[in-house]
Amino acid sequence: MRKSMIRYKNAHLAGIENACEQFGEIETRYRLATCYRDLGEHSQAVATLQGLPAKSRTPKVNMLQAKLVQQGGSSNTTEAILAYKDVLRECPLAMEAIEALLELGVNGIEVNSLVVNASNVPKNIEWLSNWIKAHAQMYSRNHLEASKTFQSINDNTKFHQNEHLVTLIGKSLYYYGNSTQAQLYLEMAAMINPHNWDAIMPLSVVYEYNQKLQGLDKLTAQMTNIHEFTSGHWFVMAQSFYAHGMLEKASSFAYKSLTLNPRNVEAQLLRGKICLRTKRHKDGIHFFRAAQCIANYRFEVYKGLFYCYMGMKRCKEAQTMCALAVRYFRNLPRSYVMFARTLIHSSHPHPKKSAKKVIGKALEIDEYYAPAVALMAELCQAEGETQEAIALLKKQVINYPHYRLFTMLGDILAGEKDLNGALEYYTTALSMEPTYQRALEGVNALGKVSWSNNKNEQDTSMTSSTNQDEEWPIECDEPSIEVVELLSSPAVAHDDGESDTFSDPFWQDVDAELTN
């Protein structure tokens, strides 16, 4: 009986072995590396794949090896670049490999030549060159140009309103700083696919930027019945808590998001912003640096590091971050606006004079960039060029209405004693945002002035209307009140020998950057 059972068992085992595929060394090492990756042992996974001779590696082996090296955080990206190029030689339409090469800084022309010159590339795919060009622009920090190139693909090909293409347009505008337009495209992408986290995560940030908390709450409410949360789920919840000022919960949920995906850039940036709000500047530097290792093409990284260093009164590092922002983001008006704010509040006379020049550079790039328009109007008004400020703001609101800009116009006209014109603009601002405090205070001040016969009382009322609210006219890329106070304070000595104010060589270097 026992012998019969053994014979029966052996017969079935032989049948199972014959039915199953016998793995060769390549497949065995690939699967073993996948297991190591899932266990979080990236170095073991890379070592397993490196044991294969280079000529015997298949495209999927090269792809896995390249991803492991790239995601391992190594500063030496040469190995990953070579592996991705090997993938393209055999599979020239491997879109993931193309995008990864561009993200790693490989020139777009070189990547395009690898693809279009391959022998097995199908014809009539002219859109692909534009797709490569757009990604190259996005990763080289030319975000506005990238959005235009993606838009041309959307308008002129059969990919019209493709989910991934619409997402890329929205993300490019989001990186550029145009949160209003970014919201439209990201909402469209999320509508096409409610599980598209590449669109939903930046959309939650854009909702917070645009003060569209109802939209953010609606986005969050869609996740209440989900049993298994991904990194994206946790991030959107964290962003919602952050927008409502619940920083402790926001930090906890962002941590959970990073636990599931340490390369979630939005979560890293959010934790950095939370640290800034809670004045934990050293921790903030850690998170912004982590985001920089993953996405050095994001302006928010340098902006966050600048504020962290200023909060710690480490002005030399802050100067470096400010200069890097101008140098790296030459085509991004956000960098010039942030830089100009620091110039305006400097105690040195030369930097103050340069502020208008810097804002002029921002407006050369984008004449309708609202924060630059608002800051230029402030500078014109401060220099007595009131009509120039009014003309600049009127031109802006005709094309891109914004309740803060209408309020600025109301403040300026109120100062010029044009009460009817001021009331008109305040009313327009309140029709767009009924709870905007500065516009409400402006209307109340106009009422006091109209009933007052005392000129001094008028002046006092108007002064209070324009100075009570210390927030910036356009809430974008501006220093906090603490940074403004630090920049405007007289130089004092610190333990490390640094001063609160920026040095002359720094301004000379940045002036040279602007000139070149």
Protein backbone atom coordinates (compact mmCIF):
# COMPACT_ATOMS: atom_id res chain seq x y z
CA MET A 1 0.00 0.00 0.00
CA ARG A 2 2.77 2.39 0.94
CA LYS A 3 4.74 1.62 -2.25
CA SER A 4 1.61 2.28 -4.33
CA MET A 5 1.14 5.69 -2.70
CA ILE A 6 4.77 6.64 -3.37
CA ARG A 7 4.52 5.56 -7.02
CA TYR A 8 1.27 7.53 -7.41
CA LYS A 9 2.81 10.63 -5.80
CA ASN A 10 5.96 10.48 -7.92
CA ALA A 11 3.92 10.11 -11.09
CA HIS A 12 1.93 13.26 -10.29
CA LEU A 13 5.06 15.21 -9.34
CA ALA A 14 6.62 14.32 -12.67
CA GLY A 15 3.47 15.50 -14.42
CA ILE A 16 3.50 18.81 -12.56
CA GLU A 17 7.18 19.36 -13.38
CA ASN A 18 6.57 18.66 -17.06
CA ALA A 19 3.57 21.00 -17.15
CA CYS A 20 5.38 23.94 -15.50
CA GLU A 21 7.79 26.16 -17.35
CA GLN A 22 11.42 25.60 -16.46
CA PHE A 23 13.02 28.92 -15.61
CA GLY A 24 16.43 29.70 -17.03
CA GLU A 25 18.99 31.77 -15.17
CA ILE A 26 17.75 35.06 -16.63
CA GLU A 27 14.15 34.53 -15.56
CA THR A 28 15.19 33.14 -12.19
CA ARG A 29 17.36 36.16 -11.41
CA TYR A 30 14.64 38.53 -12.64
CA ARG A 31 12.05 36.99 -10.33
CA LEU A 32 14.49 36.88 -7.43
CA ALA A 33 15.31 40.57 -7.96
CA THR A 34 11.59 41.34 -8.00
CA CYS A 35 11.20 39.61 -4.65
CA TYR A 36 14.12 41.57 -3.18
CA ARG A 37 12.55 44.79 -4.50
CA ASP A 38 9.21 44.02 -2.88
CA LEU A 39 11.03 43.36 0.39
CA GLY A 40 12.71 46.76 0.13
CA GLU A 41 16.21 45.31 -0.37
CA HIS A 42 17.15 47.32 -3.47
CA SER A 43 20.89 46.74 -3.23
CA GLN A 44 20.38 42.96 -3.18
CA ALA A 45 18.03 43.23 -6.15
CA VAL A 46 20.56 45.25 -8.17
CA ALA A 47 23.37 42.83 -7.27
CA THR A 48 21.23 39.89 -8.42
CA LEU A 49 20.66 41.45 -11.85
CA GLN A 50 24.27 42.56 -12.20
CA GLY A 51 25.29 38.92 -11.98
CA LEU A 52 23.94 38.46 -15.50
CA PRO A 53 26.27 39.16 -18.46
CA ALA A 54 25.34 42.46 -20.13
CA LYS A 55 24.69 40.83 -23.52
CA SER A 56 22.23 38.31 -22.10
CA ARG A 57 19.99 40.85 -20.35
CA THR A 58 16.52 41.18 -21.83
CA PRO A 59 14.66 44.52 -22.05
CA LYS A 60 12.57 43.75 -18.97
CA VAL A 61 15.73 42.93 -17.00
CA ASN A 62 17.34 46.20 -18.08
CA MET A 63 14.17 48.10 -17.24
CA LEU A 64 14.01 46.63 -13.75
CA GLN A 65 17.70 47.29 -13.14
CA ALA A 66 17.38 50.91 -14.32
CA LYS A 67 14.36 51.52 -12.07
CA LEU A 68 16.12 50.01 -9.06
CA VAL A 69 19.21 52.16 -9.56
CA GLN A 70 17.14 55.31 -10.16
CA GLN A 71 14.87 54.75 -7.18
CA GLY A 72 17.76 53.82 -4.94
CA GLY A 73 18.66 57.49 -4.65
CA SER A 74 22.20 57.07 -5.96
CA SER A 75 23.88 60.26 -7.14
CA ASN A 76 25.57 58.26 -9.92
CA THR A 77 22.83 57.85 -12.50
CA THR A 78 25.11 56.60 -15.30
CA GLU A 79 24.20 52.95 -14.74
CA ALA A 80 20.47 53.71 -14.88
CA ILE A 81 20.89 55.80 -18.04
CA LEU A 82 22.83 53.03 -19.80
CA ALA A 83 20.21 50.44 -18.83
CA TYR A 84 17.34 52.61 -20.10
CA LYS A 85 19.22 53.16 -23.37
CA ASP A 86 19.62 49.40 -23.75
CA VAL A 87 15.85 49.08 -23.38
CA LEU A 88 15.27 51.64 -26.14
CA ARG A 89 17.64 49.89 -28.53
CA GLU A 90 15.37 46.85 -28.55
CA CYS A 91 12.06 48.53 -27.69
CA PRO A 92 12.22 52.08 -29.08
CA LEU A 93 8.60 52.82 -28.12
CA ALA A 94 9.08 52.02 -24.42
CA MET A 95 7.49 55.27 -23.22
CA GLU A 96 8.43 54.69 -19.59
CA ALA A 97 12.11 54.38 -20.52
CA ILE A 98 11.93 57.52 -22.69
CA GLU A 99 10.41 59.57 -19.88
CA ALA A 100 12.88 58.20 -17.32
CA LEU A 101 15.86 59.21 -19.48
CA LEU A 102 14.51 62.73 -19.84
CA GLU A 103 13.87 62.93 -16.09
CA LEU A 104 17.47 61.86 -15.47
CA GLY A 105 18.66 64.83 -17.53
CA VAL A 106 19.51 63.18 -20.85
CA ASN A 107 19.22 65.67 -23.71
CA GLY A 108 15.89 65.49 -25.53
CA ILE A 109 17.58 65.52 -28.95
CA GLU A 110 19.66 62.48 -28.00
CA VAL A 111 16.62 60.58 -26.74
CA ASN A 112 14.65 61.49 -29.85
CA SER A 113 17.45 60.19 -32.09
CA LEU A 114 17.54 56.89 -30.17
CA VAL A 115 13.84 56.45 -30.86
CA VAL A 116 13.24 57.73 -34.39
CA ASN A 117 16.42 56.18 -35.84
CA ALA A 118 15.58 52.69 -34.64
CA SER A 119 14.90 50.25 -37.46
CA ASN A 120 11.71 48.82 -35.96
CA VAL A 121 9.91 52.11 -35.33
CA PRO A 122 6.57 52.38 -37.18
CA LYS A 123 5.94 55.27 -39.54
CA ASN A 124 3.52 58.17 -39.12
CA ILE A 125 4.24 58.88 -35.46
CA GLU A 126 5.29 62.52 -35.79
CA TRP A 127 3.52 63.24 -32.49
CA LEU A 128 6.17 61.21 -30.65
CA SER A 129 8.91 63.77 -31.31
CA ASN A 130 6.68 66.48 -29.82
CA TRP A 131 5.89 64.23 -26.87
CA ILE A 132 9.62 63.78 -26.20
CA LYS A 133 10.20 67.52 -26.67
CA ALA A 134 7.46 68.38 -24.17
CA HIS A 135 8.86 66.06 -21.51
CA ALA A 136 12.36 67.43 -22.08
CA GLN A 137 10.99 70.95 -21.57
CA MET A 138 9.15 69.96 -18.41
CA TYR A 139 12.15 68.27 -16.80
CA SER A 140 14.48 71.12 -17.83
CA ARG A 141 12.18 73.55 -15.96
CA ASN A 142 10.58 75.16 -19.04
CA HIS A 143 7.14 74.38 -17.68
CA LEU A 144 5.09 76.87 -19.69
CA GLU A 145 6.66 75.76 -22.98
CA ALA A 146 6.01 72.15 -21.99
CA SER A 147 2.32 72.88 -21.44
CA LYS A 148 2.10 74.52 -24.87
CA THR A 149 3.78 71.56 -26.57
CA PHE A 150 1.50 69.07 -24.82
CA GLN A 151 -1.46 71.27 -25.81
CA SER A 152 -0.40 71.16 -29.47
CA ILE A 153 -0.43 67.35 -29.32
CA ASN A 154 -3.87 67.51 -27.72
CA ASP A 155 -5.20 69.85 -30.42
CA ASN A 156 -3.63 68.32 -33.53
CA THR A 157 -3.67 64.56 -33.01
CA LYS A 158 -6.15 61.81 -32.27
CA PHE A 159 -5.07 61.93 -28.63
CA HIS A 160 -7.49 64.81 -28.03
CA GLN A 161 -8.51 64.84 -24.34
CA ASN A 162 -6.51 61.72 -23.66
CA GLU A 163 -6.38 61.18 -19.90
CA HIS A 164 -2.59 61.12 -19.64
CA LEU A 165 -2.12 64.06 -22.00
CA VAL A 166 -4.61 66.25 -20.13
CA THR A 167 -2.85 65.31 -16.88
CA LEU A 168 0.52 66.37 -18.30
CA ILE A 169 -0.88 69.74 -19.42
CA GLY A 170 -2.33 70.31 -15.96
CA LYS A 171 0.87 69.28 -14.18
CA SER A 172 3.02 71.52 -16.39
CA LEU A 173 0.79 74.51 -15.59
CA TYR A 174 0.86 73.53 -11.91
CA TYR A 175 4.67 73.44 -11.91
CA TYR A 176 4.68 76.79 -13.71
CA GLY A 177 2.54 78.35 -10.99
CA ASN A 178 -0.66 78.97 -12.99
CA SER A 179 -2.94 77.26 -10.49
CA THR A 180 -6.16 78.56 -12.06
CA GLN A 181 -5.53 76.99 -15.47
CA ALA A 182 -3.96 73.92 -13.88
CA GLN A 183 -7.16 73.31 -11.93
CA LEU A 184 -9.24 73.14 -15.12
CA TYR A 185 -7.05 70.49 -16.75
CA LEU A 186 -6.51 68.43 -13.61
CA GLU A 187 -10.25 68.42 -12.91
CA MET A 188 -10.84 67.20 -16.46
CA ALA A 189 -8.28 64.41 -16.03
CA ALA A 190 -9.82 63.36 -12.70
CA MET A 191 -13.26 63.36 -14.32
CA ILE A 192 -12.05 61.06 -17.10
CA ASN A 193 -10.47 58.67 -14.58
CA PRO A 194 -11.39 59.11 -10.88
CA HIS A 195 -8.42 56.88 -9.93
CA ASN A 196 -5.78 58.91 -11.75
CA TRP A 197 -3.53 59.84 -8.82
CA ASP A 198 -1.10 61.71 -11.06
CA ALA A 199 -3.93 64.22 -11.53
CA ILE A 200 -5.74 63.95 -8.19
CA MET A 201 -2.72 64.65 -5.96
CA PRO A 202 -1.69 67.93 -7.63
CA LEU A 203 -5.39 68.83 -7.94
CA SER A 204 -5.74 68.69 -4.15
CA VAL A 205 -2.77 71.07 -3.81
CA VAL A 206 -4.22 73.41 -6.44
CA TYR A 207 -7.56 73.48 -4.61
CA GLU A 208 -5.71 74.64 -1.49
CA TYR A 209 -3.75 77.29 -3.46
CA ASN A 210 -6.96 78.60 -5.03
CA GLN A 211 -8.85 78.49 -1.71
CA LYS A 212 -11.38 76.09 -3.25
CA LEU A 213 -11.90 74.17 -0.02
CA GLN A 214 -15.30 72.89 -1.10
CA GLY A 215 -13.70 71.17 -4.07
CA LEU A 216 -11.03 69.70 -1.80
CA ASP A 217 -13.65 68.49 0.68
CA LYS A 218 -15.59 66.86 -2.16
CA LEU A 219 -12.41 65.17 -3.36
CA THR A 220 -11.73 63.87 0.15
CA ALA A 221 -15.30 62.66 0.65
CA GLN A 222 -14.94 60.29 -2.30
CA MET A 223 -12.38 58.28 -0.30
CA THR A 224 -14.38 57.51 2.83
CA ASN A 225 -15.62 54.10 1.65
CA ILE A 226 -12.25 52.81 0.43
CA HIS A 227 -10.92 49.82 2.38
CA GLU A 228 -7.28 49.83 1.25
CA PHE A 229 -5.57 53.20 1.04
CA THR A 230 -2.71 53.92 -1.34
CA SER A 231 -0.05 56.60 -0.97
CA GLY A 232 -2.26 58.91 -3.04
CA HIS A 233 -5.26 58.41 -0.73
CA TRP A 234 -3.25 59.29 2.36
CA PHE A 235 -1.76 62.34 0.66
CA VAL A 236 -5.12 63.83 -0.36
CA MET A 237 -6.39 63.35 3.20
CA ALA A 238 -3.22 65.01 4.53
CA GLN A 239 -3.61 67.92 2.10
CA SER A 240 -7.20 68.41 3.25
CA PHE A 241 -6.18 68.56 6.91
CA TYR A 242 -3.37 70.98 6.02
CA ALA A 243 -5.79 73.27 4.17
CA HIS A 244 -8.05 73.35 7.23
CA GLY A 245 -5.16 74.13 9.59
CA MET A 246 -5.08 70.70 11.28
CA LEU A 247 -1.32 70.35 11.01
CA GLU A 248 -0.79 67.42 13.38
CA LYS A 249 -3.19 65.18 11.47
CA ALA A 250 -1.81 66.43 8.16
CA SER A 251 1.70 65.45 9.24
CA SER A 252 0.55 62.01 10.38
CA PHE A 253 -1.27 61.26 7.13
CA ALA A 254 1.62 62.57 5.01
CA TYR A 255 3.91 60.21 6.93
CA LYS A 256 1.62 57.29 6.07
CA SER A 257 1.69 58.36 2.43
CA LEU A 258 5.50 58.32 2.43
CA THR A 259 5.56 54.96 4.18
CA LEU A 260 3.76 53.43 1.20
CA ASN A 261 5.71 55.43 -1.40
CA PRO A 262 8.89 57.23 -0.26
CA ARG A 263 9.16 58.83 -3.73
CA ASN A 264 5.86 60.70 -3.41
CA VAL A 265 7.15 64.22 -4.13
CA GLU A 266 3.93 65.96 -3.14
CA ALA A 267 3.98 64.27 0.27
CA GLN A 268 7.62 65.26 0.82
CA LEU A 269 6.82 68.88 -0.06
CA LEU A 270 3.75 68.86 2.18
CA ARG A 271 5.75 67.65 5.18
CA GLY A 272 8.27 70.39 4.46
CA LYS A 273 5.51 73.02 4.40
CA ILE A 274 4.10 71.68 7.66
CA CYS A 275 7.54 72.02 9.25
CA LEU A 276 7.70 75.62 8.02
CA ARG A 277 4.32 76.39 9.56
CA THR A 278 5.39 74.85 12.88
CA LYS A 279 8.86 76.50 12.74
CA ARG A 280 10.70 73.16 12.65
CA HIS A 281 13.08 74.46 10.01
CA LYS A 282 15.74 71.75 10.38
CA ASP A 283 13.16 69.01 9.73
CA GLY A 284 11.80 71.06 6.85
CA ILE A 285 15.23 71.12 5.21
CA HIS A 286 15.33 67.31 5.42
CA PHE A 287 12.02 66.92 3.58
CA PHE A 288 12.75 69.55 0.95
CA ARG A 289 16.14 67.94 0.29
CA ALA A 290 14.44 64.56 -0.09
CA ALA A 291 12.06 66.11 -2.63
CA GLN A 292 15.02 67.68 -4.43
CA CYS A 293 16.65 64.26 -4.90
CA ILE A 294 13.48 63.01 -6.61
CA ALA A 295 12.32 66.11 -8.53
CA ASN A 296 14.94 68.85 -8.80
CA TYR A 297 12.79 70.50 -11.49
CA ARG A 298 10.23 71.65 -8.91
CA PHE A 299 10.42 75.31 -7.87
CA GLU A 300 8.77 74.54 -4.51
CA VAL A 301 11.94 72.71 -3.42
CA TYR A 302 14.12 75.82 -3.64
CA LYS A 303 11.40 78.08 -2.30
CA GLY A 304 10.98 75.84 0.75
CA LEU A 305 14.72 75.59 1.38
CA PHE A 306 15.03 79.38 1.11
CA TYR A 307 12.39 79.93 3.79
CA CYS A 308 13.87 77.24 6.05
CA TYR A 309 17.33 78.79 5.93
CA MET A 310 15.92 82.27 6.51
CA GLY A 311 13.96 80.94 9.49
CA MET A 312 17.21 79.56 10.92
CA LYS A 313 19.01 82.86 10.10
CA ARG A 314 21.48 80.94 7.94
CA CYS A 315 21.60 83.72 5.38
CA LYS A 316 24.47 82.39 3.27
CA GLU A 317 22.51 79.23 2.48
CA ALA A 318 19.39 81.32 1.87
CA GLN A 319 21.34 83.47 -0.58
CA THR A 320 22.48 80.33 -2.37
CA MET A 321 18.93 79.01 -2.69
CA CYS A 322 17.68 82.37 -3.98
CA ALA A 323 20.47 82.52 -6.56
CA LEU A 324 19.88 78.90 -7.61
CA ALA A 325 16.18 79.61 -8.09
CA VAL A 326 16.99 82.48 -10.46
CA ARG A 327 19.69 80.48 -12.24
CA TYR A 328 17.75 77.23 -12.64
CA PHE A 329 14.33 78.74 -13.35
CA ARG A 330 15.28 81.42 -15.86
CA ASN A 331 11.97 80.96 -17.69
CA LEU A 332 9.82 80.88 -14.56
CA PRO A 333 8.45 84.21 -13.27
CA ARG A 334 7.88 82.67 -9.83
CA SER A 335 11.62 82.72 -9.12
CA TYR A 336 11.89 86.42 -9.98
CA VAL A 337 8.86 87.32 -7.85
CA MET A 338 10.29 85.52 -4.83
CA PHE A 339 13.66 87.16 -5.43
CA ALA A 340 12.15 90.63 -5.85
CA ARG A 341 10.29 90.34 -2.55
CA THR A 342 13.60 89.83 -0.76
CA LEU A 343 15.08 92.84 -2.60
CA ILE A 344 12.24 95.15 -1.59
CA HIS A 345 12.67 94.40 2.10
CA SER A 346 16.45 94.51 2.14
CA SER A 347 18.17 97.20 4.22
CA HIS A 348 20.75 97.74 1.45
CA PRO A 349 19.93 100.56 -1.03
CA HIS A 350 21.31 98.83 -4.14
CA PRO A 351 19.15 95.67 -3.93
CA LYS A 352 16.04 97.80 -3.40
CA LYS A 353 16.71 99.64 -6.66
CA SER A 354 17.07 96.32 -8.48
CA ALA A 355 13.62 95.05 -7.46
CA LYS A 356 11.81 96.75 -10.33
CA LYS A 357 14.34 95.35 -12.81
CA VAL A 358 13.76 91.84 -11.49
CA ILE A 359 9.98 92.14 -11.72
CA GLY A 360 10.36 93.54 -15.22
CA LYS A 361 12.20 90.33 -16.12
CA ALA A 362 9.30 88.28 -14.77
CA LEU A 363 6.81 90.28 -16.85
CA GLU A 364 8.96 89.82 -19.96
CA ILE A 365 8.47 86.08 -19.53
CA ASP A 366 4.73 86.34 -18.83
CA GLU A 367 3.09 89.76 -18.92
CA TYR A 368 -0.06 88.37 -17.30
CA TYR A 369 1.58 86.56 -14.38
CA ALA A 370 -0.62 87.89 -11.57
CA PRO A 371 1.89 87.97 -8.65
CA ALA A 372 4.39 89.86 -10.84
CA VAL A 373 1.71 92.31 -11.98
CA ALA A 374 0.62 92.92 -8.39
CA LEU A 375 4.17 93.47 -7.18
CA MET A 376 4.99 95.82 -10.06
CA ALA A 377 1.85 97.81 -9.24
CA GLU A 378 3.01 98.05 -5.61
CA LEU A 379 6.41 99.34 -6.70
CA CYS A 380 4.90 101.88 -9.10
CA GLN A 381 2.57 103.15 -6.41
CA ALA A 382 5.43 103.41 -3.89
CA GLU A 383 7.40 105.51 -6.39
CA GLY A 384 4.46 107.82 -7.05
CA GLU A 385 3.64 106.35 -10.47
CA THR A 386 -0.01 105.82 -9.59
CA GLN A 387 -1.41 106.01 -13.12
CA GLU A 388 1.07 103.39 -14.33
CA ALA A 389 -0.03 101.09 -11.49
CA ILE A 390 -3.71 101.59 -12.33
CA ALA A 391 -3.13 100.95 -16.05
CA LEU A 392 -1.17 97.78 -15.29
CA LEU A 393 -3.86 96.38 -13.01
CA LYS A 394 -6.72 97.30 -15.37
CA LYS A 395 -5.00 95.50 -18.23
CA GLN A 396 -4.61 92.43 -16.03
CA VAL A 397 -8.18 92.24 -14.73
CA ILE A 398 -9.63 92.63 -18.24
CA ASN A 399 -7.88 89.43 -19.31
CA TYR A 400 -7.63 87.55 -16.00
CA PRO A 401 -10.08 88.84 -13.36
CA HIS A 402 -9.00 88.24 -9.76
CA TYR A 403 -10.70 89.55 -6.64
CA ARG A 404 -7.40 90.51 -5.01
CA LEU A 405 -6.41 92.63 -8.02
CA PHE A 406 -9.81 94.35 -8.03
CA THR A 407 -9.25 95.13 -4.36
CA MET A 408 -5.82 96.56 -5.14
CA LEU A 409 -7.42 98.85 -7.71
CA GLY A 410 -10.00 99.89 -5.12
CA ASP A 411 -7.26 100.72 -2.61
CA ILE A 412 -5.32 102.82 -5.12
CA LEU A 413 -8.40 104.75 -6.31
CA ALA A 414 -9.48 105.31 -2.72
CA GLY A 415 -6.08 106.83 -2.04
CA GLU A 416 -6.62 109.08 -5.08
CA LYS A 417 -10.01 110.17 -3.63
CA ASP A 418 -11.92 108.51 -6.51
CA LEU A 419 -14.50 107.02 -4.17
CA ASN A 420 -16.98 105.95 -6.87
CA GLY A 421 -14.30 104.11 -8.81
CA ALA A 422 -12.98 102.49 -5.63
CA LEU A 423 -16.48 101.34 -4.65
CA GLU A 424 -16.99 99.82 -8.09
CA TYR A 425 -13.83 97.73 -7.82
CA TYR A 426 -14.48 96.70 -4.22
CA THR A 427 -17.97 95.59 -5.23
CA THR A 428 -16.58 93.58 -8.15
CA ALA A 429 -14.09 91.91 -5.81
CA LEU A 430 -16.84 90.99 -3.35
CA SER A 431 -19.01 89.60 -6.14
CA MET A 432 -16.18 87.15 -6.86
CA GLU A 433 -15.26 86.45 -3.21
CA PRO A 434 -17.97 87.69 -0.78
CA THR A 435 -15.91 86.93 2.34
CA TYR A 436 -12.70 88.70 1.30
CA GLN A 437 -11.89 90.78 4.38
CA ARG A 438 -9.73 93.42 2.74
CA ALA A 439 -12.46 94.37 0.24
CA LEU A 440 -15.06 94.50 3.04
CA GLU A 441 -12.82 96.81 5.05
CA GLY A 442 -12.32 98.99 1.98
CA VAL A 443 -16.07 99.42 1.50
CA ASN A 444 -16.53 100.24 5.20
CA ALA A 445 -13.73 102.81 5.01
CA LEU A 446 -15.37 104.44 1.98
CA GLY A 447 -18.58 104.76 3.98
CA LYS A 448 -16.77 106.52 6.79
CA VAL A 449 -15.06 108.90 4.38
CA SER A 450 -18.29 109.83 2.60
CA TRP A 451 -19.91 110.86 5.89
CA SER A 452 -16.90 112.67 7.26
CA ASN A 453 -16.18 116.37 6.77
CA ASN A 454 -12.87 116.26 8.54
CA LYS A 455 -9.93 115.80 6.16
CA ASN A 456 -7.73 114.28 8.84
CA GLU A 457 -10.40 111.74 9.62
CA GLN A 458 -10.60 110.92 5.92
CA ASP A 459 -6.87 110.34 5.71
CA THR A 460 -6.93 108.17 8.81
CA SER A 461 -9.80 106.10 7.45
CA MET A 462 -8.14 105.58 4.11
CA THR A 463 -4.82 104.69 5.70
CA SER A 464 -6.45 102.08 7.91
CA SER A 465 -8.28 100.59 4.94
CA THR A 466 -5.10 99.99 3.01
CA ASN A 467 -2.81 98.96 5.85
CA GLN A 468 -4.90 96.83 8.19
CA ASP A 469 -4.54 93.68 6.15
CA GLU A 470 -0.88 92.76 5.97
CA GLU A 471 -1.27 89.88 3.54
CA TRP A 472 0.13 90.13 0.03
CA PRO A 473 -2.27 91.13 -2.77
CA ILE A 474 -1.70 87.83 -4.57
CA GLU A 475 -0.97 84.92 -2.28
CA CYS A 476 1.80 83.26 -4.25
CA ASP A 477 5.54 82.82 -3.68
CA GLU A 478 5.81 85.54 -1.08
CA PRO A 479 7.95 85.55 2.06
CA SER A 480 6.25 85.06 5.39
CA ILE A 481 5.95 87.96 7.81
CA GLU A 482 8.89 86.54 9.79
CA VAL A 483 11.11 86.52 6.70
CA VAL A 484 10.07 90.08 5.83
CA GLU A 485 10.96 91.23 9.33
CA LEU A 486 14.28 89.44 9.13
CA LEU A 487 15.15 90.94 5.77
CA SER A 488 14.18 94.45 6.83
CA SER A 489 16.02 94.34 10.16
CA PRO A 490 19.46 95.91 10.58
CA ALA A 491 22.45 93.63 10.34
CA VAL A 492 23.41 91.99 13.60
CA ALA A 493 26.17 89.55 14.33
CA HIS A 494 25.48 85.87 14.87
CA ASP A 495 27.54 83.06 16.26
CA ASP A 496 28.53 81.86 12.80
CA GLY A 497 29.65 85.30 11.71
CA GLU A 498 26.77 85.74 9.26
CA SER A 499 24.48 88.74 9.09
CA ASP A 500 20.76 89.11 8.63
CA THR A 501 21.19 90.92 5.34
CA PHE A 502 22.41 89.70 1.99
CA SER A 503 25.97 90.48 0.97
CA ASP A 504 27.02 92.75 -1.89
CA PRO A 505 28.86 89.96 -3.80
CA PHE A 506 25.60 88.01 -3.79
CA TRP A 507 23.68 90.85 -5.45
CA GLN A 508 26.47 91.33 -7.97
CA ASP A 509 26.32 87.63 -8.88
CA VAL A 510 22.55 87.74 -9.32
CA ASP A 511 22.74 90.95 -11.34
CA ALA A 512 25.16 89.14 -13.64
CA GLU A 513 22.70 86.25 -13.90
CA LEU A 514 19.92 88.65 -14.95
CA THR A 515 22.15 90.42 -17.46
CA ASN A 516 23.27 87.17 -19.06
